[in-house]
PDB file of N, CA and C in Angstrom:
ATOM      1  N   MET A   1     -74.584 -90.187  13.684  1.00  0.00           N
ATOM      2  CA  MET A   1     -74.970 -89.645  14.962  1.00  0.00           C
ATOM      3  C   MET A   1     -76.467 -89.801  15.199  1.00  0.00           C
ATOM      4  N   ALA A   2     -77.253 -89.907  14.139  1.00  0.00           N
ATOM      5  CA  ALA A   2     -78.704 -90.029  14.304  1.00  0.00           C
ATOM      6  C   ALA A   2     -79.054 -91.346  14.983  1.00  0.00           C
ATOM      7  N   LEU A   3     -78.253 -92.372  14.777  1.00  0.00           N
ATOM      8  CA  LEU A   3     -78.510 -93.663  15.399  1.00  0.00           C
ATOM      9  C   LEU A   3     -78.362 -93.573  16.913  1.00  0.00           C
ATOM     10  N   LEU A   4     -77.454 -92.764  17.380  1.00  0.00           N
ATOM     11  CA  LEU A   4     -77.254 -92.607  18.812  1.00  0.00           C
ATOM     12  C   LEU A   4     -78.394 -91.846  19.472  1.00  0.00           C
ATOM     13  N   ALA A   5     -79.172 -91.107  18.701  1.00  0.00           N
ATOM     14  CA  ALA A   5     -80.267 -90.324  19.256  1.00  0.00           C
ATOM     15  C   ALA A   5     -81.522 -91.169  19.472  1.00  0.00           C
ATOM     16  N   ILE A   6     -81.546 -92.432  19.016  1.00  0.00           N
ATOM     17  CA  ILE A   6     -82.715 -93.292  19.178  1.00  0.00           C
ATOM     18  C   ILE A   6     -82.809 -93.737  20.630  1.00  0.00           C
ATOM     19  N   ASN A   7     -84.011 -93.683  21.160  1.00  0.00           N
ATOM     20  CA  ASN A   7     -84.245 -94.116  22.532  1.00  0.00           C
ATOM     21  C   ASN A   7     -84.042 -95.632  22.622  1.00  0.00           C
ATOM     22  N   PRO A   8     -83.169 -96.122  23.506  1.00  0.00           N
ATOM     23  CA  PRO A   8     -82.897 -97.563  23.588  1.00  0.00           C
ATOM     24  C   PRO A   8     -84.135 -98.386  23.965  1.00  0.00           C
ATOM     25  N   GLN A   9     -85.077 -97.800  24.673  1.00  0.00           N
ATOM     26  CA  GLN A   9     -86.286 -98.524  25.051  1.00  0.00           C
ATOM     27  C   GLN A   9     -87.128 -98.876  23.827  1.00  0.00           C
ATOM     28  N   LEU A  10     -87.055 -98.081  22.795  1.00  0.00           N
ATOM     29  CA  LEU A  10     -87.819 -98.363  21.579  1.00  0.00           C
ATOM     30  C   LEU A  10     -87.276 -99.592  20.859  1.00  0.00           C
ATOM     31  N   LEU A  11     -85.993 -99.862  21.005  1.00  0.00           N
ATOM     32  CA  LEU A  11     -85.401-101.007  20.335  1.00  0.00           C
ATOM     33  C   LEU A  11     -85.826-102.319  20.979  1.00  0.00           C
ATOM     34  N   TRP A  12     -86.203-102.324  22.232  1.00  0.00           N
ATOM     35  CA  TRP A  12     -86.546-103.533  22.969  1.00  0.00           C
ATOM     36  C   TRP A  12     -88.016-103.536  23.389  1.00  0.00           C
ATOM     37  N   SER A  13     -88.878-102.960  22.604  1.00  0.00           N
ATOM     38  CA  SER A  13     -90.295-102.913  22.968  1.00  0.00           C
ATOM     39  C   SER A  13     -90.941-104.287  22.775  1.00  0.00           C
ATOM     40  N   ALA A  14     -92.079-104.501  23.425  1.00  0.00           N
ATOM     41  CA  ALA A  14     -92.801-105.765  23.344  1.00  0.00           C
ATOM     42  C   ALA A  14     -93.431-105.925  21.958  1.00  0.00           C
ATOM     43  N   PRO A  15     -93.623-107.163  21.515  1.00  0.00           N
ATOM     44  CA  PRO A  15     -94.256-107.381  20.209  1.00  0.00           C
ATOM     45  C   PRO A  15     -95.694-106.859  20.179  1.00  0.00           C
ATOM     46  N   SER A  16     -96.093-106.371  19.029  1.00  0.00           N
ATOM     47  CA  SER A  16     -97.465-105.881  18.874  1.00  0.00           C
ATOM     48  C   SER A  16     -98.366-107.040  18.451  1.00  0.00           C
ATOM     49  N   GLY A  17     -99.623-106.754  18.156  1.00  0.00           N
ATOM     50  CA  GLY A  17    -100.597-107.792  17.823  1.00  0.00           C
ATOM     51  C   GLY A  17    -100.217-108.645  16.630  1.00  0.00           C
ATOM     52  N   ALA A  18     -99.801-108.017  15.540  1.00  0.00           N
ATOM     53  CA  ALA A  18     -99.436-108.771  14.335  1.00  0.00           C
ATOM     54  C   ALA A  18     -98.197-109.626  14.569  1.00  0.00           C
ATOM     55  N   GLU A  19     -97.268-109.133  15.352  1.00  0.00           N
ATOM     56  CA  GLU A  19     -96.057-109.906  15.638  1.00  0.00           C
ATOM     57  C   GLU A  19     -96.379-111.130  16.490  1.00  0.00           C
ATOM     58  N   TRP A  20     -97.326-111.008  17.423  1.00  0.00           N
ATOM     59  CA  TRP A  20     -97.740-112.164  18.230  1.00  0.00           C
ATOM     60  C   TRP A  20     -98.371-113.242  17.362  1.00  0.00           C
ATOM     61  N   ILE A  21     -99.151-112.830  16.378  1.00  0.00           N
ATOM     62  CA  ILE A  21     -99.784-113.802  15.469  1.00  0.00           C
ATOM     63  C   ILE A  21     -98.710-114.572  14.698  1.00  0.00           C
ATOM     64  N   ILE A  22     -97.709-113.865  14.223  1.00  0.00           N
ATOM     65  CA  ILE A  22     -96.615-114.516  13.488  1.00  0.00           C
ATOM     66  C   ILE A  22     -95.863-115.472  14.405  1.00  0.00           C
ATOM     67  N   ILE A  23     -95.599-115.057  15.638  1.00  0.00           N
ATOM     68  CA  ILE A  23     -94.907-115.924  16.595  1.00  0.00           C
ATOM     69  C   ILE A  23     -95.718-117.180  16.854  1.00  0.00           C
ATOM     70  N   LEU A  24     -97.013-117.045  17.059  1.00  0.00           N
ATOM     71  CA  LEU A  24     -97.877-118.208  17.302  1.00  0.00           C
ATOM     72  C   LEU A  24     -97.909-119.149  16.101  1.00  0.00           C
ATOM     73  N   LEU A  25     -97.958-118.601  14.902  1.00  0.00           N
ATOM     74  CA  LEU A  25     -97.943-119.439  13.706  1.00  0.00           C
ATOM     75  C   LEU A  25     -96.637-120.223  13.593  1.00  0.00           C
ATOM     76  N   VAL A  26     -95.526-119.588  13.892  1.00  0.00           N
ATOM     77  CA  VAL A  26     -94.231-120.271  13.837  1.00  0.00           C
ATOM     78  C   VAL A  26     -94.187-121.394  14.872  1.00  0.00           C
ATOM     79  N   VAL A  27     -94.710-121.146  16.068  1.00  0.00           N
ATOM     80  CA  VAL A  27     -94.735-122.181  17.108  1.00  0.00           C
ATOM     81  C   VAL A  27     -95.581-123.361  16.662  1.00  0.00           C
ATOM     82  N   VAL A  28     -96.746-123.096  16.088  1.00  0.00           N
ATOM     83  CA  VAL A  28     -97.624-124.176  15.622  1.00  0.00           C
ATOM     84  C   VAL A  28     -96.954-124.970  14.498  1.00  0.00           C
ATOM     85  N   ILE A  29     -96.266-124.279  13.607  1.00  0.00           N
ATOM     86  CA  ILE A  29     -95.596-124.969  12.507  1.00  0.00           C
ATOM     87  C   ILE A  29     -94.460-125.855  13.032  1.00  0.00           C
ATOM     88  N   PHE A  30     -93.666-125.321  13.964  1.00  0.00           N
ATOM     89  CA  PHE A  30     -92.532-126.096  14.484  1.00  0.00           C
ATOM     90  C   PHE A  30     -92.957-127.267  15.349  1.00  0.00           C
ATOM     91  N   PHE A  31     -93.923-127.064  16.241  1.00  0.00           N
ATOM     92  CA  PHE A  31     -94.253-128.083  17.223  1.00  0.00           C
ATOM     93  C   PHE A  31     -95.524-128.856  16.897  1.00  0.00           C
ATOM     94  N   GLY A  32     -96.369-128.345  16.063  1.00  0.00           N
ATOM     95  CA  GLY A  32     -97.616-129.023  15.745  1.00  0.00           C
ATOM     96  C   GLY A  32     -98.656-128.797  16.830  1.00  0.00           C
ATOM     97  N   GLY A  33     -99.907-129.047  16.509  1.00  0.00           N
ATOM     98  CA  GLY A  33    -100.993-128.800  17.443  1.00  0.00           C
ATOM     99  C   GLY A  33    -101.009-129.744  18.625  1.00  0.00           C
ATOM    100  N   LYS A  34    -100.491-130.959  18.462  1.00  0.00           N
ATOM    101  CA  LYS A  34    -100.552-131.947  19.544  1.00  0.00           C
ATOM    102  C   LYS A  34     -99.487-131.707  20.608  1.00  0.00           C
ATOM    103  N   LYS A  35     -98.379-131.121  20.248  1.00  0.00           N
ATOM    104  CA  LYS A  35     -97.281-130.921  21.195  1.00  0.00           C
ATOM    105  C   LYS A  35     -97.455-129.662  22.047  1.00  0.00           C
ATOM    106  N   ILE A  36     -98.235-128.699  21.590  1.00  0.00           N
ATOM    107  CA  ILE A  36     -98.367-127.435  22.314  1.00  0.00           C
ATOM    108  C   ILE A  36     -98.942-127.628  23.717  1.00  0.00           C
ATOM    109  N   PRO A  37    -100.016-128.434  23.923  1.00  0.00           N
ATOM    110  CA  PRO A  37    -100.488-128.641  25.303  1.00  0.00           C
ATOM    111  C   PRO A  37     -99.443-129.295  26.203  1.00  0.00           C
ATOM    112  N   GLU A  38     -98.658-130.202  25.641  1.00  0.00           N
ATOM    113  CA  GLU A  38     -97.591-130.834  26.434  1.00  0.00           C
ATOM    114  C   GLU A  38     -96.535-129.806  26.828  1.00  0.00           C
ATOM    115  N   LEU A  39     -96.178-128.920  25.904  1.00  0.00           N
ATOM    116  CA  LEU A  39     -95.198-127.885  26.215  1.00  0.00           C
ATOM    117  C   LEU A  39     -95.735-126.931  27.272  1.00  0.00           C
ATOM    118  N   ALA A  40     -97.004-126.558  27.152  1.00  0.00           N
ATOM    119  CA  ALA A  40     -97.603-125.649  28.133  1.00  0.00           C
ATOM    120  C   ALA A  40     -97.685-126.316  29.502  1.00  0.00           C
ATOM    121  N   ARG A  41     -98.014-127.598  29.537  1.00  0.00           N
ATOM    122  CA  ARG A  41     -98.091-128.327  30.802  1.00  0.00           C
ATOM    123  C   ARG A  41     -96.711-128.386  31.459  1.00  0.00           C
ATOM    124  N   GLY A  42     -95.694-128.672  30.671  1.00  0.00           N
ATOM    125  CA  GLY A  42     -94.335-128.711  31.199  1.00  0.00           C
ATOM    126  C   GLY A  42     -93.879-127.353  31.706  1.00  0.00           C
ATOM    127  N   LEU A  43     -94.227-126.297  30.990  1.00  0.00           N
ATOM    128  CA  LEU A  43     -93.886-124.948  31.417  1.00  0.00           C
ATOM    129  C   LEU A  43     -94.589-124.613  32.728  1.00  0.00           C
ATOM    130  N   GLY A  44     -95.857-124.984  32.843  1.00  0.00           N
ATOM    131  CA  GLY A  44     -96.601-124.741  34.077  1.00  0.00           C
ATOM    132  C   GLY A  44     -96.009-125.483  35.257  1.00  0.00           C
ATOM    133  N   GLN A  45     -95.599-126.734  35.042  1.00  0.00           N
ATOM    134  CA  GLN A  45     -94.974-127.509  36.121  1.00  0.00           C
ATOM    135  C   GLN A  45     -93.647-126.887  36.537  1.00  0.00           C
ATOM    136  N   GLY A  46     -92.888-126.421  35.575  1.00  0.00           N
ATOM    137  CA  GLY A  46     -91.615-125.779  35.890  1.00  0.00           C
ATOM    138  C   GLY A  46     -91.804-124.511  36.711  1.00  0.00           C
ATOM    139  N   ILE A  47     -92.782-123.707  36.335  1.00  0.00           N
ATOM    140  CA  ILE A  47     -93.061-122.485  37.085  1.00  0.00           C
ATOM    141  C   ILE A  47     -93.542-122.822  38.488  1.00  0.00           C
ATOM    142  N   ARG A  48     -94.397-123.838  38.610  1.00  0.00           N
ATOM    143  CA  ARG A  48     -94.907-124.252  39.920  1.00  0.00           C
ATOM    144  C   ARG A  48     -93.773-124.744  40.816  1.00  0.00           C
ATOM    145  N   GLU A  49     -92.870-125.560  40.275  1.00  0.00           N
ATOM    146  CA  GLU A  49     -91.738-126.061  41.053  1.00  0.00           C
ATOM    147  C   GLU A  49     -90.810-124.923  41.473  1.00  0.00           C
ATOM    148  N   PHE A  50     -90.599-123.970  40.596  1.00  0.00           N
ATOM    149  CA  PHE A  50     -89.762-122.821  40.937  1.00  0.00           C
ATOM    150  C   PHE A  50     -90.374-122.029  42.075  1.00  0.00           C
ATOM    151  N   ASN A  51     -91.681-121.776  42.004  1.00  0.00           N
ATOM    152  CA  ASN A  51     -92.347-121.025  43.064  1.00  0.00           C
ATOM    153  C   ASN A  51     -92.320-121.788  44.380  1.00  0.00           C
ATOM    154  N   ASN A  52     -92.496-123.107  44.351  1.00  0.00           N
ATOM    155  CA  ASN A  52     -92.424-123.904  45.577  1.00  0.00           C
ATOM    156  C   ASN A  52     -91.030-123.840  46.187  1.00  0.00           C
ATOM    157  N   ALA A  53     -90.006-123.954  45.360  1.00  0.00           N
ATOM    158  CA  ALA A  53     -88.635-123.876  45.860  1.00  0.00           C
ATOM    159  C   ALA A  53     -88.351-122.492  46.439  1.00  0.00           C
ATOM    160  N   LYS A  54     -88.859-121.467  45.784  1.00  0.00           N
ATOM    161  CA  LYS A  54     -88.664-120.099  46.270  1.00  0.00           C
ATOM    162  C   LYS A  54     -89.326-119.915  47.633  1.00  0.00           C
ATOM    163  N   GLU A  55     -90.543-120.438  47.800  1.00  0.00           N
ATOM    164  CA  GLU A  55     -91.239-120.339  49.081  1.00  0.00           C
ATOM    165  C   GLU A  55     -90.518-121.134  50.164  1.00  0.00           C
ATOM    166  N   ASN A  56     -89.973-122.312  49.816  1.00  0.00           N
ATOM    167  CA  ASN A  56     -89.230-123.113  50.792  1.00  0.00           C
ATOM    168  C   ASN A  56     -87.985-122.381  51.277  1.00  0.00           C
ATOM    169  N   VAL A  57     -87.258-121.775  50.372  1.00  0.00           N
ATOM    170  CA  VAL A  57     -86.059-121.034  50.750  1.00  0.00           C
ATOM    171  C   VAL A  57     -86.443-119.844  51.628  1.00  0.00           C
ATOM    172  N   LYS A  58     -87.498-119.169  51.253  1.00  0.00           N
ATOM    173  CA  LYS A  58     -87.959-118.011  52.028  1.00  0.00           C
ATOM    174  C   LYS A  58     -88.353-118.428  53.439  1.00  0.00           C
ATOM    175  N   SER A  59     -89.090-119.540  53.571  1.00  0.00           N
ATOM    176  CA  SER A  59     -89.512-119.987  54.901  1.00  0.00           C
ATOM    177  C   SER A  59     -88.318-120.456  55.730  1.00  0.00           C
ATOM    178  N   GLU A  60     -87.325-121.086  55.099  1.00  0.00           N
ATOM    179  CA  GLU A  60     -86.130-121.499  55.824  1.00  0.00           C
ATOM    180  C   GLU A  60     -85.337-120.296  56.321  1.00  0.00           C
ATOM    181  N   ILE A  61     -85.248-119.272  55.520  1.00  0.00           N
ATOM    182  CA  ILE A  61     -84.534-118.058  55.932  1.00  0.00           C
ATOM    183  C   ILE A  61     -85.271-117.396  57.087  1.00  0.00           C
ATOM    184  N   GLU A  62     -86.602-117.296  56.994  1.00  0.00           N
ATOM    185  CA  GLU A  62     -87.381-116.687  58.068  1.00  0.00           C
ATOM    186  C   GLU A  62     -87.285-117.508  59.349  1.00  0.00           C
ATOM    187  N   ALA A  63     -87.298-118.843  59.231  1.00  0.00           N
ATOM    188  CA  ALA A  63     -87.164-119.697  60.404  1.00  0.00           C
ATOM    189  C   ALA A  63     -85.782-119.532  61.033  1.00  0.00           C
ATOM    190  N   GLY A  64     -84.760-119.392  60.214  1.00  0.00           N
ATOM    191  CA  GLY A  64     -83.407-119.182  60.726  1.00  0.00           C
ATOM    192  C   GLY A  64     -83.266-117.846  61.431  1.00  0.00           C
ATOM    193  N   MET A  65     -83.984-116.850  60.981  1.00  0.00           N
ATOM    194  CA  MET A  65     -83.919-115.544  61.619  1.00  0.00           C
ATOM    195  C   MET A  65     -84.653-115.552  62.960  1.00  0.00           C
ATOM    196  N   LYS A  66     -85.656-116.407  63.108  1.00  0.00           N
ATOM    197  CA  LYS A  66     -86.443-116.455  64.341  1.00  0.00           C
ATOM    198  C   LYS A  66     -85.789-117.307  65.418  1.00  0.00           C
ATOM    199  N   GLU A  67     -84.861-118.177  65.034  1.00  0.00           N
ATOM    200  CA  GLU A  67     -84.181-119.021  66.010  1.00  0.00           C
ATOM    201  C   GLU A  67     -83.327-118.183  66.949  1.00  0.00           C
ATOM    202  N   LYS A  68     -83.313-118.612  68.206  1.00  0.00           N
ATOM    203  CA  LYS A  68     -82.472-117.928  69.169  1.00  0.00           C
ATOM    204  C   LYS A  68     -81.043-118.465  69.034  1.00  0.00           C
ATOM    205  N   PRO A  69     -80.058-117.618  69.130  1.00  0.00           N
ATOM    206  CA  PRO A  69     -78.667-118.104  69.051  1.00  0.00           C
ATOM    207  C   PRO A  69     -78.342-118.964  70.275  1.00  0.00           C
ATOM    208  N   LYS A  70     -77.594-120.034  70.031  1.00  0.00           N
ATOM    209  CA  LYS A  70     -77.215-120.934  71.099  1.00  0.00           C
ATOM    210  C   LYS A  70     -76.083-120.330  71.916  1.00  0.00           C
ATOM    211  N   ALA A  71     -76.209-120.411  73.234  1.00  0.00           N
ATOM    212  CA  ALA A  71     -75.150-119.901  74.106  1.00  0.00           C
ATOM    213  C   ALA A  71     -74.048-120.961  74.204  1.00  0.00           C
ATOM    214  N   GLU A  72     -72.839-120.564  74.008  1.00  0.00           N
ATOM    215  CA  GLU A  72     -71.727-121.506  74.050  1.00  0.00           C
ATOM    216  C   GLU A  72     -70.930-121.332  75.316  1.00  0.00           C
TER     217      GLU A  72
END
């Protein structure tokens, strides 16, 4: 029953300083120093493309709401 008394938010907390260092070391070991800038560049491009697509959809929806309905 003591396990059920644990706050669920504590189980999913963000990594602390020492855990971030370990994560960074594992990334460097797996990908090497030369691949990390390429991965970051690709991640940045993906985020940029997602934001552009999101803005395009938003502007299309707003434009559709501003259009007057056609009389038939």
